[in-house]
Amino acid sequence: MNPARSMRWRAIGIAALLALVVAMIGGTLTDIGPWYQGLVKPSWKPPDPAFGVIWTIIFSLAAAAGVIGWRRATTAPRREWLIGLFCLNGFLNILWTLLFFRLRRPDLALFEVVALWLSVALLIVFFARFSRLSSALLAPYLIWVSVASALNLAIVQANAPFG
């Protein structure tokens, strides 16, 4: 295998592994047991099984965006920013799940989701400078975090106070 092809497969493997790690941690922290089932939720909330499907698609698209962006980021500083922004986003994604499901604080998660949304928007803007495709692949993520933010707000309004 030639070195360029090997590097491409390594980038794909690393992106897939990192997306899987964030998804697995988030899945481990997600508890839809009695506490969550007892919350008043809006009628427009997607069915619970849809969340796993949606997140799988989003993480797959994000991993693809990362690989494409990595290949098109021609300078070391761009690649460092790419990695840093994805790490920040993964951390914020996990933090939201921790706050909402483990700590049972949808009110705190509502504040944190603003940072998560901004991190996705920042990734989109960053990628748009050198990879419109990567930027476009992240658009569903921003849309989904927007929907999740509205759902988070509706849950807080219907169930507050928390803690």
N, C-alpha and C. Protein backbone atom coordinates (compact mmCIF):
# COMPACT_ATOMS: atom_id res chain seq x y z
N MET A 1 0.85 -1.18 0.00
CA MET A 1 0.00 0.00 0.00
C MET A 1 0.89 1.23 0.00
N ASN A 2 0.56 2.21 -0.84
CA ASN A 2 1.39 3.39 -0.89
C ASN A 2 1.15 4.28 0.33
N PRO A 3 2.12 5.14 0.69
CA PRO A 3 2.02 5.96 1.91
C PRO A 3 0.80 6.88 1.93
N ALA A 4 0.44 7.48 0.80
CA ALA A 4 -0.72 8.38 0.77
C ALA A 4 -2.00 7.63 1.08
N ARG A 5 -2.13 6.45 0.51
CA ARG A 5 -3.32 5.64 0.75
C ARG A 5 -3.37 5.18 2.21
N SER A 6 -2.22 4.81 2.74
CA SER A 6 -2.13 4.39 4.13
C SER A 6 -2.53 5.53 5.06
N MET A 7 -2.06 6.76 4.76
CA MET A 7 -2.40 7.93 5.57
C MET A 7 -3.90 8.21 5.51
N ARG A 8 -4.49 8.04 4.32
CA ARG A 8 -5.93 8.27 4.18
C ARG A 8 -6.72 7.29 5.04
N TRP A 9 -6.35 6.02 5.00
CA TRP A 9 -7.06 5.01 5.80
C TRP A 9 -6.84 5.24 7.28
N ARG A 10 -5.67 5.71 7.65
CA ARG A 10 -5.40 6.00 9.06
C ARG A 10 -6.31 7.15 9.52
N ALA A 11 -6.44 8.20 8.70
CA ALA A 11 -7.31 9.32 9.04
C ALA A 11 -8.76 8.86 9.18
N ILE A 12 -9.21 8.01 8.28
CA ILE A 12 -10.57 7.48 8.35
C ILE A 12 -10.75 6.66 9.62
N GLY A 13 -9.79 5.82 9.93
CA GLY A 13 -9.87 4.99 11.13
C GLY A 13 -9.89 5.81 12.40
N ILE A 14 -9.04 6.83 12.47
CA ILE A 14 -9.00 7.69 13.66
C ILE A 14 -10.31 8.46 13.81
N ALA A 15 -10.81 9.02 12.72
CA ALA A 15 -12.07 9.77 12.78
C ALA A 15 -13.22 8.87 13.21
N ALA A 16 -13.28 7.68 12.64
CA ALA A 16 -14.35 6.73 13.01
C ALA A 16 -14.22 6.33 14.48
N LEU A 17 -13.01 6.06 14.93
CA LEU A 17 -12.79 5.67 16.32
C LEU A 17 -13.19 6.78 17.28
N LEU A 18 -12.80 8.01 16.98
CA LEU A 18 -13.15 9.13 17.86
C LEU A 18 -14.66 9.37 17.89
N ALA A 19 -15.30 9.29 16.74
CA ALA A 19 -16.76 9.44 16.71
C ALA A 19 -17.42 8.33 17.52
N LEU A 20 -16.90 7.12 17.41
CA LEU A 20 -17.43 5.99 18.16
C LEU A 20 -17.22 6.17 19.66
N VAL A 21 -16.07 6.68 20.06
CA VAL A 21 -15.80 6.90 21.48
C VAL A 21 -16.78 7.93 22.06
N VAL A 22 -16.97 9.05 21.36
CA VAL A 22 -17.91 10.07 21.84
C VAL A 22 -19.32 9.48 21.91
N ALA A 23 -19.71 8.74 20.88
CA ALA A 23 -21.05 8.12 20.87
C ALA A 23 -21.21 7.11 22.00
N MET A 24 -20.18 6.31 22.25
CA MET A 24 -20.28 5.29 23.31
C MET A 24 -20.34 5.93 24.69
N ILE A 25 -19.54 6.96 24.92
CA ILE A 25 -19.60 7.65 26.21
C ILE A 25 -20.96 8.29 26.40
N GLY A 26 -21.44 8.97 25.35
CA GLY A 26 -22.76 9.58 25.42
C GLY A 26 -23.85 8.55 25.66
N GLY A 27 -23.75 7.42 24.97
CA GLY A 27 -24.73 6.35 25.15
C GLY A 27 -24.69 5.77 26.56
N THR A 28 -23.50 5.64 27.10
CA THR A 28 -23.35 5.12 28.47
C THR A 28 -23.95 6.07 29.48
N LEU A 29 -23.82 7.36 29.25
CA LEU A 29 -24.35 8.37 30.18
C LEU A 29 -25.85 8.58 30.04
N THR A 30 -26.42 8.16 28.92
CA THR A 30 -27.85 8.37 28.67
C THR A 30 -28.67 7.33 29.41
N ASP A 31 -29.54 7.82 30.26
CA ASP A 31 -30.42 6.95 31.04
C ASP A 31 -31.86 7.38 30.80
N ILE A 32 -32.61 6.57 30.05
CA ILE A 32 -34.01 6.92 29.77
C ILE A 32 -34.95 6.11 30.67
N GLY A 33 -34.49 5.89 31.89
CA GLY A 33 -35.27 5.15 32.88
C GLY A 33 -36.39 5.98 33.47
N PRO A 34 -36.81 5.63 34.68
CA PRO A 34 -37.99 6.26 35.30
C PRO A 34 -37.92 7.78 35.41
N TRP A 35 -36.76 8.33 35.73
CA TRP A 35 -36.67 9.79 35.86
C TRP A 35 -37.02 10.45 34.53
N TYR A 36 -36.37 10.01 33.46
CA TYR A 36 -36.60 10.61 32.15
C TYR A 36 -38.03 10.34 31.69
N GLN A 37 -38.51 9.13 31.88
CA GLN A 37 -39.87 8.79 31.45
C GLN A 37 -40.91 9.62 32.19
N GLY A 38 -40.57 10.04 33.43
CA GLY A 38 -41.50 10.84 34.23
C GLY A 38 -41.55 12.31 33.85
N LEU A 39 -40.61 12.75 33.03
CA LEU A 39 -40.62 14.16 32.62
C LEU A 39 -41.77 14.44 31.65
N VAL A 40 -42.33 15.61 31.76
CA VAL A 40 -43.32 16.07 30.79
C VAL A 40 -42.54 16.53 29.55
N LYS A 41 -42.89 15.96 28.40
CA LYS A 41 -42.18 16.27 27.16
C LYS A 41 -43.19 16.78 26.14
N PRO A 42 -42.75 17.61 25.21
CA PRO A 42 -43.68 18.15 24.21
C PRO A 42 -44.16 17.06 23.26
N SER A 43 -45.30 17.27 22.70
CA SER A 43 -45.90 16.29 21.79
C SER A 43 -45.06 16.09 20.53
N TRP A 44 -44.26 17.05 20.16
CA TRP A 44 -43.46 16.98 18.94
C TRP A 44 -42.12 16.26 19.13
N LYS A 45 -41.85 15.79 20.34
CA LYS A 45 -40.59 15.06 20.60
C LYS A 45 -40.55 13.81 19.75
N PRO A 46 -39.42 13.59 19.07
CA PRO A 46 -39.30 12.34 18.28
C PRO A 46 -39.37 11.12 19.21
N PRO A 47 -39.77 9.98 18.69
CA PRO A 47 -39.80 8.77 19.52
C PRO A 47 -38.38 8.41 19.97
N ASP A 48 -38.27 7.85 21.17
CA ASP A 48 -36.96 7.54 21.75
C ASP A 48 -36.03 6.74 20.81
N PRO A 49 -36.53 5.71 20.11
CA PRO A 49 -35.62 4.96 19.22
C PRO A 49 -35.01 5.80 18.10
N ALA A 50 -35.65 6.90 17.73
CA ALA A 50 -35.14 7.75 16.66
C ALA A 50 -33.83 8.43 17.06
N PHE A 51 -33.64 8.67 18.34
CA PHE A 51 -32.44 9.39 18.78
C PHE A 51 -31.16 8.63 18.43
N GLY A 52 -31.15 7.33 18.63
CA GLY A 52 -29.97 6.53 18.30
C GLY A 52 -29.66 6.57 16.81
N VAL A 53 -30.70 6.48 16.00
CA VAL A 53 -30.53 6.52 14.55
C VAL A 53 -29.99 7.90 14.13
N ILE A 54 -30.60 8.93 14.66
CA ILE A 54 -30.20 10.30 14.30
C ILE A 54 -28.75 10.55 14.70
N TRP A 55 -28.39 10.18 15.94
CA TRP A 55 -27.01 10.40 16.38
C TRP A 55 -26.01 9.57 15.58
N THR A 56 -26.38 8.38 15.19
CA THR A 56 -25.48 7.55 14.37
C THR A 56 -25.20 8.24 13.04
N ILE A 57 -26.24 8.77 12.42
CA ILE A 57 -26.08 9.49 11.15
C ILE A 57 -25.22 10.74 11.36
N ILE A 58 -25.50 11.49 12.40
CA ILE A 58 -24.76 12.73 12.65
C ILE A 58 -23.29 12.45 12.92
N PHE A 59 -23.00 11.45 13.74
CA PHE A 59 -21.59 11.14 14.04
C PHE A 59 -20.88 10.60 12.80
N SER A 60 -21.59 9.86 11.97
CA SER A 60 -20.99 9.37 10.72
C SER A 60 -20.67 10.54 9.78
N LEU A 61 -21.60 11.47 9.66
CA LEU A 61 -21.36 12.64 8.82
C LEU A 61 -20.23 13.50 9.38
N ALA A 62 -20.18 13.64 10.70
CA ALA A 62 -19.11 14.43 11.32
C ALA A 62 -17.75 13.77 11.10
N ALA A 63 -17.69 12.45 11.22
CA ALA A 63 -16.43 11.75 10.96
C ALA A 63 -16.00 11.94 9.50
N ALA A 64 -16.96 11.83 8.58
CA ALA A 64 -16.65 12.05 7.16
C ALA A 64 -16.18 13.48 6.93
N ALA A 65 -16.83 14.44 7.57
CA ALA A 65 -16.43 15.84 7.45
C ALA A 65 -15.00 16.03 7.96
N GLY A 66 -14.69 15.37 9.07
CA GLY A 66 -13.35 15.46 9.63
C GLY A 66 -12.29 14.91 8.69
N VAL A 67 -12.56 13.76 8.11
CA VAL A 67 -11.59 13.14 7.18
C VAL A 67 -11.40 14.01 5.94
N ILE A 68 -12.50 14.44 5.35
CA ILE A 68 -12.40 15.28 4.15
C ILE A 68 -11.69 16.59 4.49
N GLY A 69 -12.07 17.18 5.61
CA GLY A 69 -11.43 18.43 6.04
C GLY A 69 -9.94 18.23 6.30
N TRP A 70 -9.58 17.13 6.92
CA TRP A 70 -8.17 16.82 7.20
C TRP A 70 -7.37 16.76 5.89
N ARG A 71 -7.97 16.10 4.91
CA ARG A 71 -7.28 15.96 3.62
C ARG A 71 -7.15 17.30 2.89
N ARG A 72 -8.10 18.19 3.10
CA ARG A 72 -8.08 19.47 2.40
C ARG A 72 -7.39 20.58 3.21
N ALA A 73 -7.16 20.33 4.48
CA ALA A 73 -6.43 21.30 5.31
C ALA A 73 -4.95 21.13 4.99
N THR A 74 -4.42 22.05 4.24
CA THR A 74 -3.07 21.87 3.69
C THR A 74 -1.96 22.35 4.62
N THR A 75 -2.32 22.95 5.74
CA THR A 75 -1.28 23.45 6.65
C THR A 75 -1.44 22.79 8.02
N ALA A 76 -0.33 22.71 8.73
CA ALA A 76 -0.35 22.14 10.08
C ALA A 76 -1.26 22.94 11.03
N PRO A 77 -1.23 24.28 11.00
CA PRO A 77 -2.13 25.03 11.89
C PRO A 77 -3.61 24.73 11.63
N ARG A 78 -4.00 24.58 10.37
CA ARG A 78 -5.40 24.24 10.07
C ARG A 78 -5.75 22.88 10.64
N ARG A 79 -4.85 21.93 10.49
CA ARG A 79 -5.10 20.59 11.03
C ARG A 79 -5.17 20.61 12.55
N GLU A 80 -4.32 21.41 13.18
CA GLU A 80 -4.37 21.52 14.64
C GLU A 80 -5.69 22.13 15.09
N TRP A 81 -6.15 23.16 14.40
CA TRP A 81 -7.44 23.76 14.72
C TRP A 81 -8.57 22.76 14.51
N LEU A 82 -8.49 22.01 13.42
CA LEU A 82 -9.51 20.99 13.12
C LEU A 82 -9.61 20.01 14.29
N ILE A 83 -8.48 19.50 14.74
CA ILE A 83 -8.47 18.54 15.85
C ILE A 83 -8.99 19.20 17.12
N GLY A 84 -8.52 20.40 17.40
CA GLY A 84 -8.95 21.10 18.61
C GLY A 84 -10.44 21.37 18.64
N LEU A 85 -10.98 21.82 17.50
CA LEU A 85 -12.42 22.11 17.44
C LEU A 85 -13.26 20.84 17.60
N PHE A 86 -12.81 19.75 16.99
CA PHE A 86 -13.54 18.49 17.15
C PHE A 86 -13.45 17.98 18.59
N CYS A 87 -12.29 18.13 19.22
CA CYS A 87 -12.16 17.71 20.62
C CYS A 87 -13.08 18.53 21.52
N LEU A 88 -13.10 19.84 21.30
CA LEU A 88 -13.99 20.70 22.07
C LEU A 88 -15.44 20.28 21.87
N ASN A 89 -15.82 20.04 20.62
CA ASN A 89 -17.18 19.64 20.33
C ASN A 89 -17.54 18.31 20.99
N GLY A 90 -16.63 17.34 20.92
CA GLY A 90 -16.88 16.05 21.56
C GLY A 90 -17.05 16.19 23.07
N PHE A 91 -16.20 17.02 23.68
CA PHE A 91 -16.31 17.27 25.11
C PHE A 91 -17.66 17.89 25.45
N LEU A 92 -18.07 18.90 24.69
CA LEU A 92 -19.34 19.57 24.96
C LEU A 92 -20.53 18.64 24.72
N ASN A 93 -20.41 17.76 23.74
CA ASN A 93 -21.47 16.79 23.47
C ASN A 93 -21.64 15.86 24.67
N ILE A 94 -20.53 15.36 25.18
CA ILE A 94 -20.57 14.46 26.35
C ILE A 94 -21.05 15.22 27.59
N LEU A 95 -20.59 16.46 27.76
CA LEU A 95 -20.98 17.25 28.92
C LEU A 95 -22.48 17.47 28.97
N TRP A 96 -23.09 17.75 27.80
CA TRP A 96 -24.54 17.95 27.78
C TRP A 96 -25.25 16.69 28.28
N THR A 97 -24.81 15.54 27.79
CA THR A 97 -25.44 14.28 28.19
C THR A 97 -25.26 14.04 29.69
N LEU A 98 -24.09 14.34 30.20
CA LEU A 98 -23.82 14.19 31.63
C LEU A 98 -24.75 15.09 32.45
N LEU A 99 -24.85 16.34 32.05
CA LEU A 99 -25.71 17.27 32.79
C LEU A 99 -27.17 16.86 32.72
N PHE A 100 -27.66 16.54 31.55
CA PHE A 100 -29.08 16.25 31.37
C PHE A 100 -29.46 14.92 32.01
N PHE A 101 -28.77 13.84 31.65
CA PHE A 101 -29.20 12.51 32.05
C PHE A 101 -28.61 12.02 33.37
N ARG A 102 -27.34 12.20 33.59
CA ARG A 102 -26.72 11.67 34.81
C ARG A 102 -26.96 12.56 36.02
N LEU A 103 -26.76 13.87 35.83
CA LEU A 103 -26.98 14.79 36.94
C LEU A 103 -28.43 15.23 37.04
N ARG A 104 -29.22 14.87 36.02
CA ARG A 104 -30.65 15.19 35.98
C ARG A 104 -30.90 16.69 36.13
N ARG A 105 -30.10 17.44 35.36
CA ARG A 105 -30.19 18.90 35.41
C ARG A 105 -30.42 19.46 34.01
N PRO A 106 -31.62 19.25 33.47
CA PRO A 106 -31.92 19.84 32.16
C PRO A 106 -31.74 21.36 32.14
N ASP A 107 -31.92 22.00 33.31
CA ASP A 107 -31.74 23.45 33.37
C ASP A 107 -30.28 23.84 33.09
N LEU A 108 -29.33 23.12 33.68
CA LEU A 108 -27.92 23.39 33.40
C LEU A 108 -27.55 22.97 31.98
N ALA A 109 -28.13 21.87 31.52
CA ALA A 109 -27.88 21.40 30.15
C ALA A 109 -28.35 22.43 29.13
N LEU A 110 -29.41 23.17 29.47
CA LEU A 110 -29.93 24.20 28.57
C LEU A 110 -28.91 25.31 28.36
N PHE A 111 -28.18 25.67 29.40
CA PHE A 111 -27.11 26.66 29.25
C PHE A 111 -25.95 26.08 28.45
N GLU A 112 -25.62 24.84 28.74
CA GLU A 112 -24.48 24.19 28.08
C GLU A 112 -24.75 23.95 26.60
N VAL A 113 -26.00 23.69 26.23
CA VAL A 113 -26.31 23.40 24.83
C VAL A 113 -26.02 24.61 23.93
N VAL A 114 -26.01 25.78 24.50
CA VAL A 114 -25.62 26.97 23.72
C VAL A 114 -24.16 26.84 23.29
N ALA A 115 -23.30 26.41 24.20
CA ALA A 115 -21.88 26.21 23.86
C ALA A 115 -21.73 25.08 22.84
N LEU A 116 -22.52 24.01 22.99
CA LEU A 116 -22.47 22.90 22.03
C LEU A 116 -22.87 23.40 20.64
N TRP A 117 -23.97 24.16 20.57
CA TRP A 117 -24.44 24.70 19.30
C TRP A 117 -23.37 25.59 18.67
N LEU A 118 -22.76 26.45 19.48
CA LEU A 118 -21.71 27.34 18.97
C LEU A 118 -20.51 26.55 18.47
N SER A 119 -20.18 25.44 19.15
CA SER A 119 -19.04 24.64 18.70
C SER A 119 -19.30 24.00 17.33
N VAL A 120 -20.54 23.59 17.09
CA VAL A 120 -20.88 23.04 15.77
C VAL A 120 -20.84 24.15 14.72
N ALA A 121 -21.41 25.30 15.05
CA ALA A 121 -21.38 26.44 14.12
C ALA A 121 -19.95 26.85 13.81
N LEU A 122 -19.09 26.84 14.80
CA LEU A 122 -17.69 27.19 14.60
C LEU A 122 -17.00 26.19 13.68
N LEU A 123 -17.30 24.90 13.85
CA LEU A 123 -16.75 23.89 12.93
C LEU A 123 -17.20 24.17 11.50
N ILE A 124 -18.46 24.48 11.32
CA ILE A 124 -19.00 24.74 9.98
C ILE A 124 -18.29 25.95 9.35
N VAL A 125 -18.15 27.02 10.11
CA VAL A 125 -17.49 28.22 9.60
C VAL A 125 -16.02 27.94 9.30
N PHE A 126 -15.36 27.22 10.20
CA PHE A 126 -13.94 26.89 10.01
C PHE A 126 -13.74 26.08 8.73
N PHE A 127 -14.56 25.03 8.56
CA PHE A 127 -14.43 24.18 7.38
C PHE A 127 -14.77 24.92 6.09
N ALA A 128 -15.70 25.86 6.15
CA ALA A 128 -16.13 26.56 4.94
C ALA A 128 -14.96 27.28 4.26
N ARG A 129 -13.92 27.59 5.00
CA ARG A 129 -12.76 28.29 4.44
C ARG A 129 -11.97 27.42 3.45
N PHE A 130 -12.04 26.10 3.61
CA PHE A 130 -11.23 25.25 2.73
C PHE A 130 -11.92 23.96 2.31
N SER A 131 -13.10 23.68 2.83
CA SER A 131 -13.82 22.47 2.43
C SER A 131 -15.33 22.68 2.59
N ARG A 132 -15.93 23.14 1.55
CA ARG A 132 -17.39 23.37 1.58
C ARG A 132 -18.15 22.06 1.83
N LEU A 133 -17.62 20.96 1.32
CA LEU A 133 -18.27 19.67 1.54
C LEU A 133 -18.27 19.31 3.02
N SER A 134 -17.14 19.47 3.68
CA SER A 134 -17.09 19.19 5.12
C SER A 134 -18.06 20.07 5.88
N SER A 135 -18.10 21.33 5.50
CA SER A 135 -19.02 22.27 6.13
C SER A 135 -20.47 21.82 5.94
N ALA A 136 -20.81 21.40 4.73
CA ALA A 136 -22.18 20.96 4.43
C ALA A 136 -22.52 19.67 5.19
N LEU A 137 -21.55 18.78 5.35
CA LEU A 137 -21.81 17.53 6.06
C LEU A 137 -22.13 17.77 7.53
N LEU A 138 -21.72 18.91 8.07
CA LEU A 138 -21.98 19.23 9.47
C LEU A 138 -23.31 19.96 9.67
N ALA A 139 -23.94 20.40 8.59
CA ALA A 139 -25.21 21.13 8.70
C ALA A 139 -26.30 20.33 9.42
N PRO A 140 -26.46 19.02 9.14
CA PRO A 140 -27.48 18.27 9.89
C PRO A 140 -27.21 18.23 11.40
N TYR A 141 -25.95 18.25 11.77
CA TYR A 141 -25.58 18.28 13.19
C TYR A 141 -26.09 19.57 13.83
N LEU A 142 -25.88 20.70 13.16
CA LEU A 142 -26.35 21.97 13.69
C LEU A 142 -27.87 22.00 13.76
N ILE A 143 -28.52 21.47 12.75
CA ILE A 143 -29.98 21.41 12.77
C ILE A 143 -30.46 20.55 13.93
N TRP A 144 -29.83 19.40 14.13
CA TRP A 144 -30.25 18.51 15.20
C TRP A 144 -30.00 19.13 16.57
N VAL A 145 -28.87 19.78 16.76
CA VAL A 145 -28.61 20.43 18.05
C VAL A 145 -29.61 21.56 18.27
N SER A 146 -30.05 22.21 17.21
CA SER A 146 -31.10 23.23 17.33
C SER A 146 -32.41 22.60 17.80
N VAL A 147 -32.78 21.47 17.22
CA VAL A 147 -33.99 20.76 17.64
C VAL A 147 -33.84 20.30 19.09
N ALA A 148 -32.68 19.73 19.41
CA ALA A 148 -32.44 19.25 20.78
C ALA A 148 -32.49 20.41 21.77
N SER A 149 -32.01 21.57 21.37
CA SER A 149 -32.06 22.75 22.24
C SER A 149 -33.50 23.15 22.52
N ALA A 150 -34.32 23.15 21.48
CA ALA A 150 -35.74 23.49 21.66
C ALA A 150 -36.43 22.45 22.55
N LEU A 151 -36.09 21.20 22.36
CA LEU A 151 -36.64 20.13 23.20
C LEU A 151 -36.19 20.31 24.64
N ASN A 152 -34.92 20.61 24.84
CA ASN A 152 -34.37 20.85 26.17
C ASN A 152 -35.12 22.00 26.85
N LEU A 153 -35.33 23.09 26.11
CA LEU A 153 -36.06 24.24 26.64
C LEU A 153 -37.49 23.86 27.03
N ALA A 154 -38.17 23.13 26.16
CA ALA A 154 -39.54 22.71 26.46
C ALA A 154 -39.61 21.84 27.71
N ILE A 155 -38.63 20.98 27.88
CA ILE A 155 -38.59 20.11 29.07
C ILE A 155 -38.35 20.94 30.32
N VAL A 156 -37.45 21.91 30.26
CA VAL A 156 -37.20 22.77 31.40
C VAL A 156 -38.45 23.57 31.76
N GLN A 157 -39.09 24.14 30.74
CA GLN A 157 -40.30 24.94 31.01
C GLN A 157 -41.41 24.10 31.61
N ALA A 158 -41.54 22.85 31.20
CA ALA A 158 -42.64 22.01 31.68
C ALA A 158 -42.34 21.32 33.00
N ASN A 159 -41.08 21.25 33.41
CA ASN A 159 -40.73 20.43 34.57
C ASN A 159 -39.96 21.15 35.67
N ALA A 160 -39.56 22.38 35.46
CA ALA A 160 -38.73 23.10 36.45
C ALA A 160 -39.50 23.24 37.76
N PRO A 161 -38.83 23.35 38.85
CA PRO A 161 -37.39 23.50 39.04
C PRO A 161 -36.68 22.15 39.16
N PHE A 162 -35.37 22.19 38.91
CA PHE A 162 -34.51 21.01 39.03
C PHE A 162 -33.50 21.27 40.14
N GLY A 163 -32.91 20.17 40.61
CA GLY A 163 -31.84 20.27 41.60
C GLY A 163 -32.36 20.53 42.96
